[in-house]
Amino acid sequence: MKDPIASTFSKILYYFLPVFFAALTFFISFEEREFPWLWWGYILFLFFGSHLLDKGKILGMVPGILLGIYVILDDLKPHVGPTVAWIGIVLIIYYLICGIHVFIRKRKAAKNI
């Protein structure tokens, strides 16, 4: 039988970042009065990865890592304004931690069989 507290913690862990980015995007788009389609596409990409992680698939970390790499590479282009490469680094580390968490859970479940 699954532990309900551990299952709830895992859901919070996997879905925290996409929900945070969705709320942030919603409030920024509400203030700017425009709908950033591309941002919502990125957020749906993160939700897809979180859903895969929630289902126990280690490959769910790939969308977050790819988006993190994209953010870092996009920041290397010459532009005016603050640097956002740290967001890409946070995405990569976060989704690596989530992938490791899924891997450890799967190994523990395999040992208990």
N, C-alpha and C. Protein backbone atom coordinates (compact mmCIF):
# COMPACT_ATOMS: atom_id res chain seq x y z
N MET A 1 0.84 -1.19 0.00
CA MET A 1 0.00 0.00 0.00
C MET A 1 0.88 1.25 0.00
N LYS A 2 0.50 2.22 -0.80
CA LYS A 2 1.27 3.45 -0.89
C LYS A 2 1.06 4.30 0.36
N ASP A 3 2.12 4.93 0.77
CA ASP A 3 2.05 5.86 1.89
C ASP A 3 1.45 7.16 1.38
N PRO A 4 0.29 7.61 1.92
CA PRO A 4 -0.35 8.82 1.38
C PRO A 4 0.47 10.08 1.59
N ILE A 5 1.24 10.14 2.66
CA ILE A 5 2.05 11.33 2.90
C ILE A 5 3.20 11.40 1.90
N ALA A 6 3.85 10.28 1.65
CA ALA A 6 4.95 10.26 0.68
C ALA A 6 4.43 10.56 -0.72
N SER A 7 3.25 10.05 -1.05
CA SER A 7 2.67 10.31 -2.36
C SER A 7 2.33 11.79 -2.53
N THR A 8 1.79 12.40 -1.48
CA THR A 8 1.47 13.83 -1.53
C THR A 8 2.74 14.66 -1.64
N PHE A 9 3.78 14.29 -0.91
CA PHE A 9 5.04 15.01 -0.99
C PHE A 9 5.61 14.94 -2.41
N SER A 10 5.53 13.76 -3.02
CA SER A 10 6.04 13.61 -4.38
C SER A 10 5.29 14.49 -5.36
N LYS A 11 3.97 14.55 -5.23
CA LYS A 11 3.18 15.40 -6.13
C LYS A 11 3.56 16.87 -5.94
N ILE A 12 3.73 17.29 -4.70
CA ILE A 12 4.13 18.67 -4.44
C ILE A 12 5.51 18.93 -5.03
N LEU A 13 6.42 17.98 -4.87
CA LEU A 13 7.77 18.13 -5.40
C LEU A 13 7.77 18.25 -6.92
N TYR A 14 7.01 17.40 -7.60
CA TYR A 14 7.03 17.39 -9.05
C TYR A 14 6.29 18.57 -9.67
N TYR A 15 5.21 19.00 -9.05
CA TYR A 15 4.37 20.03 -9.66
C TYR A 15 4.62 21.44 -9.13
N PHE A 16 5.53 21.60 -8.17
CA PHE A 16 5.75 22.93 -7.58
C PHE A 16 6.23 23.95 -8.61
N LEU A 17 7.28 23.61 -9.34
CA LEU A 17 7.86 24.58 -10.27
C LEU A 17 6.92 24.95 -11.42
N PRO A 18 6.24 23.99 -12.08
CA PRO A 18 5.30 24.40 -13.13
C PRO A 18 4.15 25.26 -12.59
N VAL A 19 3.65 24.94 -11.41
CA VAL A 19 2.57 25.75 -10.84
C VAL A 19 3.08 27.14 -10.49
N PHE A 20 4.29 27.23 -9.95
CA PHE A 20 4.87 28.53 -9.63
C PHE A 20 5.04 29.37 -10.89
N PHE A 21 5.59 28.79 -11.95
CA PHE A 21 5.77 29.52 -13.20
C PHE A 21 4.43 29.90 -13.82
N ALA A 22 3.43 29.04 -13.70
CA ALA A 22 2.10 29.36 -14.24
C ALA A 22 1.49 30.55 -13.50
N ALA A 23 1.60 30.55 -12.17
CA ALA A 23 1.07 31.68 -11.40
C ALA A 23 1.82 32.96 -11.74
N LEU A 24 3.13 32.87 -11.83
CA LEU A 24 3.94 34.04 -12.16
C LEU A 24 3.59 34.57 -13.55
N THR A 25 3.44 33.68 -14.52
CA THR A 25 3.08 34.09 -15.87
C THR A 25 1.68 34.70 -15.91
N PHE A 26 0.77 34.12 -15.15
CA PHE A 26 -0.59 34.66 -15.12
C PHE A 26 -0.59 36.09 -14.60
N PHE A 27 0.11 36.33 -13.49
CA PHE A 27 0.11 37.67 -12.91
C PHE A 27 0.85 38.68 -13.78
N ILE A 28 1.94 38.25 -14.41
CA ILE A 28 2.66 39.15 -15.30
C ILE A 28 1.82 39.48 -16.53
N SER A 29 1.16 38.46 -17.11
CA SER A 29 0.34 38.72 -18.29
C SER A 29 -0.90 39.54 -17.94
N PHE A 30 -1.41 39.38 -16.73
CA PHE A 30 -2.55 40.19 -16.28
C PHE A 30 -2.14 41.65 -16.16
N GLU A 31 -0.94 41.89 -15.65
CA GLU A 31 -0.46 43.26 -15.49
C GLU A 31 -0.11 43.88 -16.84
N GLU A 32 0.49 43.11 -17.73
CA GLU A 32 0.90 43.62 -19.04
C GLU A 32 -0.25 43.67 -20.04
N ARG A 33 -1.35 43.00 -19.74
CA ARG A 33 -2.55 42.94 -20.58
C ARG A 33 -2.28 42.30 -21.95
N GLU A 34 -1.44 41.29 -21.95
CA GLU A 34 -1.24 40.50 -23.16
C GLU A 34 -1.00 39.05 -22.77
N PHE A 35 -1.25 38.15 -23.70
CA PHE A 35 -1.19 36.72 -23.41
C PHE A 35 0.08 36.13 -24.03
N PRO A 36 1.07 35.76 -23.23
CA PRO A 36 2.32 35.23 -23.77
C PRO A 36 2.18 33.75 -24.14
N TRP A 37 1.83 33.47 -25.37
CA TRP A 37 1.60 32.10 -25.82
C TRP A 37 2.82 31.22 -25.64
N LEU A 38 3.98 31.74 -25.95
CA LEU A 38 5.20 30.94 -25.86
C LEU A 38 5.48 30.51 -24.42
N TRP A 39 5.27 31.40 -23.46
CA TRP A 39 5.48 31.05 -22.05
C TRP A 39 4.54 29.94 -21.63
N TRP A 40 3.29 30.02 -22.07
CA TRP A 40 2.33 28.98 -21.69
C TRP A 40 2.70 27.65 -22.34
N GLY A 41 3.30 27.70 -23.50
CA GLY A 41 3.80 26.47 -24.12
C GLY A 41 4.92 25.85 -23.30
N TYR A 42 5.84 26.68 -22.81
CA TYR A 42 6.91 26.18 -21.95
C TYR A 42 6.33 25.57 -20.67
N ILE A 43 5.34 26.23 -20.10
CA ILE A 43 4.74 25.74 -18.85
C ILE A 43 4.03 24.41 -19.10
N LEU A 44 3.34 24.27 -20.23
CA LEU A 44 2.73 22.98 -20.55
C LEU A 44 3.78 21.90 -20.74
N PHE A 45 4.91 22.26 -21.30
CA PHE A 45 6.04 21.33 -21.44
C PHE A 45 6.52 20.86 -20.06
N LEU A 46 6.61 21.79 -19.11
CA LEU A 46 7.02 21.42 -17.75
C LEU A 46 5.97 20.56 -17.06
N PHE A 47 4.69 20.87 -17.29
CA PHE A 47 3.63 20.05 -16.70
C PHE A 47 3.68 18.63 -17.27
N PHE A 48 3.99 18.49 -18.55
CA PHE A 48 4.12 17.17 -19.15
C PHE A 48 5.24 16.38 -18.47
N GLY A 49 6.37 17.02 -18.25
CA GLY A 49 7.48 16.36 -17.56
C GLY A 49 7.11 16.00 -16.13
N SER A 50 6.41 16.88 -15.44
CA SER A 50 5.99 16.59 -14.06
C SER A 50 5.00 15.44 -14.02
N HIS A 51 4.13 15.37 -15.01
CA HIS A 51 3.18 14.26 -15.06
C HIS A 51 3.91 12.93 -15.26
N LEU A 52 4.92 12.92 -16.13
CA LEU A 52 5.70 11.70 -16.32
C LEU A 52 6.44 11.31 -15.04
N LEU A 53 7.00 12.29 -14.34
CA LEU A 53 7.67 12.00 -13.09
C LEU A 53 6.69 11.45 -12.06
N ASP A 54 5.51 12.01 -12.03
CA ASP A 54 4.49 11.55 -11.09
C ASP A 54 4.08 10.10 -11.38
N LYS A 55 4.11 9.71 -12.64
CA LYS A 55 3.77 8.34 -13.03
C LYS A 55 4.94 7.37 -12.84
N GLY A 56 6.09 7.87 -12.40
CA GLY A 56 7.24 7.02 -12.14
C GLY A 56 8.18 6.85 -13.32
N LYS A 57 8.10 7.70 -14.29
CA LYS A 57 8.98 7.64 -15.46
C LYS A 57 10.15 8.60 -15.26
N ILE A 58 11.34 8.06 -15.29
CA ILE A 58 12.54 8.87 -15.08
C ILE A 58 12.73 9.86 -16.22
N LEU A 59 12.26 9.54 -17.40
CA LEU A 59 12.41 10.44 -18.55
C LEU A 59 11.59 11.72 -18.40
N GLY A 60 10.80 11.83 -17.34
CA GLY A 60 10.06 13.05 -17.09
C GLY A 60 10.94 14.23 -16.78
N MET A 61 12.21 13.96 -16.45
CA MET A 61 13.12 15.07 -16.16
C MET A 61 13.66 15.71 -17.43
N VAL A 62 13.50 15.06 -18.57
CA VAL A 62 14.06 15.56 -19.82
C VAL A 62 13.45 16.91 -20.24
N PRO A 63 12.10 17.10 -20.18
CA PRO A 63 11.58 18.41 -20.59
C PRO A 63 12.12 19.57 -19.76
N GLY A 64 12.27 19.39 -18.46
CA GLY A 64 12.80 20.45 -17.61
C GLY A 64 14.26 20.75 -17.91
N ILE A 65 15.04 19.69 -18.16
CA ILE A 65 16.45 19.89 -18.48
C ILE A 65 16.60 20.57 -19.84
N LEU A 66 15.81 20.14 -20.82
CA LEU A 66 15.87 20.78 -22.14
C LEU A 66 15.49 22.26 -22.07
N LEU A 67 14.46 22.57 -21.30
CA LEU A 67 14.06 23.97 -21.17
C LEU A 67 15.14 24.77 -20.44
N GLY A 68 15.77 24.18 -19.44
CA GLY A 68 16.87 24.85 -18.74
C GLY A 68 18.03 25.14 -19.66
N ILE A 69 18.39 24.17 -20.51
CA ILE A 69 19.47 24.38 -21.48
C ILE A 69 19.08 25.47 -22.47
N TYR A 70 17.82 25.47 -22.91
CA TYR A 70 17.35 26.51 -23.83
C TYR A 70 17.46 27.90 -23.20
N VAL A 71 17.07 28.01 -21.93
CA VAL A 71 17.14 29.31 -21.25
C VAL A 71 18.58 29.78 -21.14
N ILE A 72 19.49 28.87 -20.82
CA ILE A 72 20.90 29.25 -20.70
C ILE A 72 21.45 29.68 -22.07
N LEU A 73 21.17 28.90 -23.11
CA LEU A 73 21.67 29.26 -24.45
C LEU A 73 21.03 30.55 -24.96
N ASP A 74 19.77 30.78 -24.64
CA ASP A 74 19.10 32.01 -25.06
C ASP A 74 19.71 33.21 -24.35
N ASP A 75 20.19 33.01 -23.14
CA ASP A 75 20.78 34.11 -22.39
C ASP A 75 22.16 34.48 -22.94
N LEU A 76 22.79 33.59 -23.67
CA LEU A 76 24.11 33.89 -24.23
C LEU A 76 24.04 34.85 -25.41
N LYS A 77 22.85 35.02 -25.99
CA LYS A 77 22.69 35.98 -27.08
C LYS A 77 22.87 37.40 -26.54
N PRO A 78 23.43 38.28 -27.36
CA PRO A 78 23.57 39.67 -26.88
C PRO A 78 22.19 40.32 -26.74
N HIS A 79 21.95 40.87 -25.56
CA HIS A 79 20.69 41.56 -25.30
C HIS A 79 20.89 42.56 -24.18
N VAL A 80 19.93 43.44 -24.06
CA VAL A 80 19.97 44.46 -23.02
C VAL A 80 19.03 44.00 -21.91
N GLY A 81 19.49 44.04 -20.69
CA GLY A 81 18.65 43.64 -19.59
C GLY A 81 19.36 42.67 -18.67
N PRO A 82 18.66 42.27 -17.63
CA PRO A 82 19.29 41.38 -16.65
C PRO A 82 19.49 39.97 -17.21
N THR A 83 20.43 39.28 -16.65
CA THR A 83 20.72 37.92 -17.07
C THR A 83 19.73 36.95 -16.42
N VAL A 84 19.29 35.94 -17.16
CA VAL A 84 18.33 34.97 -16.64
C VAL A 84 18.89 33.55 -16.72
N ALA A 85 20.19 33.42 -16.90
CA ALA A 85 20.80 32.09 -16.99
C ALA A 85 20.62 31.31 -15.69
N TRP A 86 20.51 32.00 -14.59
CA TRP A 86 20.34 31.31 -13.31
C TRP A 86 19.02 30.54 -13.27
N ILE A 87 18.01 31.01 -14.00
CA ILE A 87 16.74 30.28 -14.05
C ILE A 87 16.95 28.93 -14.75
N GLY A 88 17.74 28.91 -15.81
CA GLY A 88 18.05 27.67 -16.49
C GLY A 88 18.82 26.71 -15.60
N ILE A 89 19.75 27.23 -14.83
CA ILE A 89 20.52 26.39 -13.92
C ILE A 89 19.61 25.80 -12.85
N VAL A 90 18.70 26.62 -12.32
CA VAL A 90 17.74 26.13 -11.31
C VAL A 90 16.84 25.05 -11.91
N LEU A 91 16.38 25.24 -13.15
CA LEU A 91 15.54 24.23 -13.81
C LEU A 91 16.29 22.91 -13.95
N ILE A 92 17.52 22.97 -14.40
CA ILE A 92 18.30 21.74 -14.59
C ILE A 92 18.51 21.03 -13.26
N ILE A 93 18.92 21.75 -12.24
CA ILE A 93 19.15 21.13 -10.93
C ILE A 93 17.86 20.57 -10.36
N TYR A 94 16.78 21.31 -10.46
CA TYR A 94 15.49 20.87 -9.91
C TYR A 94 15.01 19.58 -10.57
N TYR A 95 15.07 19.54 -11.89
CA TYR A 95 14.58 18.34 -12.58
C TYR A 95 15.54 17.17 -12.43
N LEU A 96 16.84 17.41 -12.24
CA LEU A 96 17.76 16.33 -11.91
C LEU A 96 17.41 15.73 -10.54
N ILE A 97 17.12 16.59 -9.58
CA ILE A 97 16.74 16.11 -8.24
C ILE A 97 15.45 15.31 -8.32
N CYS A 98 14.48 15.78 -9.08
CA CYS A 98 13.22 15.04 -9.24
C CYS A 98 13.46 13.69 -9.92
N GLY A 99 14.31 13.65 -10.93
CA GLY A 99 14.62 12.39 -11.60
C GLY A 99 15.33 11.42 -10.68
N ILE A 100 16.24 11.92 -9.85
CA ILE A 100 16.92 11.07 -8.87
C ILE A 100 15.93 10.55 -7.85
N HIS A 101 14.99 11.39 -7.43
CA HIS A 101 13.97 10.97 -6.48
C HIS A 101 13.12 9.83 -7.05
N VAL A 102 12.73 9.93 -8.32
CA VAL A 102 11.96 8.87 -8.96
C VAL A 102 12.79 7.60 -9.06
N PHE A 103 14.06 7.73 -9.42
CA PHE A 103 14.95 6.57 -9.53
C PHE A 103 15.09 5.85 -8.20
N ILE A 104 15.28 6.60 -7.13
CA ILE A 104 15.41 5.99 -5.80
C ILE A 104 14.11 5.32 -5.38
N ARG A 105 12.98 5.96 -5.65
CA ARG A 105 11.68 5.35 -5.32
C ARG A 105 11.47 4.05 -6.07
N LYS A 106 11.85 4.02 -7.34
CA LYS A 106 11.68 2.81 -8.14
C LYS A 106 12.59 1.69 -7.63
N ARG A 107 13.82 2.02 -7.23
CA ARG A 107 14.73 1.00 -6.71
C ARG A 107 14.24 0.44 -5.39
N LYS A 108 13.71 1.31 -4.52
CA LYS A 108 13.17 0.83 -3.25
C LYS A 108 11.96 -0.06 -3.47
N ALA A 109 11.11 0.31 -4.42
CA ALA A 109 9.92 -0.50 -4.72
C ALA A 109 10.34 -1.85 -5.30
N ALA A 110 11.40 -1.88 -6.10
CA ALA A 110 11.86 -3.14 -6.68
C ALA A 110 12.47 -4.04 -5.62
N LYS A 111 13.12 -3.49 -4.63
CA LYS A 111 13.72 -4.29 -3.56
C LYS A 111 12.65 -4.87 -2.63
N ASN A 112 11.53 -4.17 -2.49
CA ASN A 112 10.48 -4.63 -1.58
C ASN A 112 9.61 -5.73 -2.17
N ILE A 113 9.79 -6.01 -3.45
CA ILE A 113 8.96 -7.05 -4.09
C ILE A 113 9.43 -8.39 -3.71
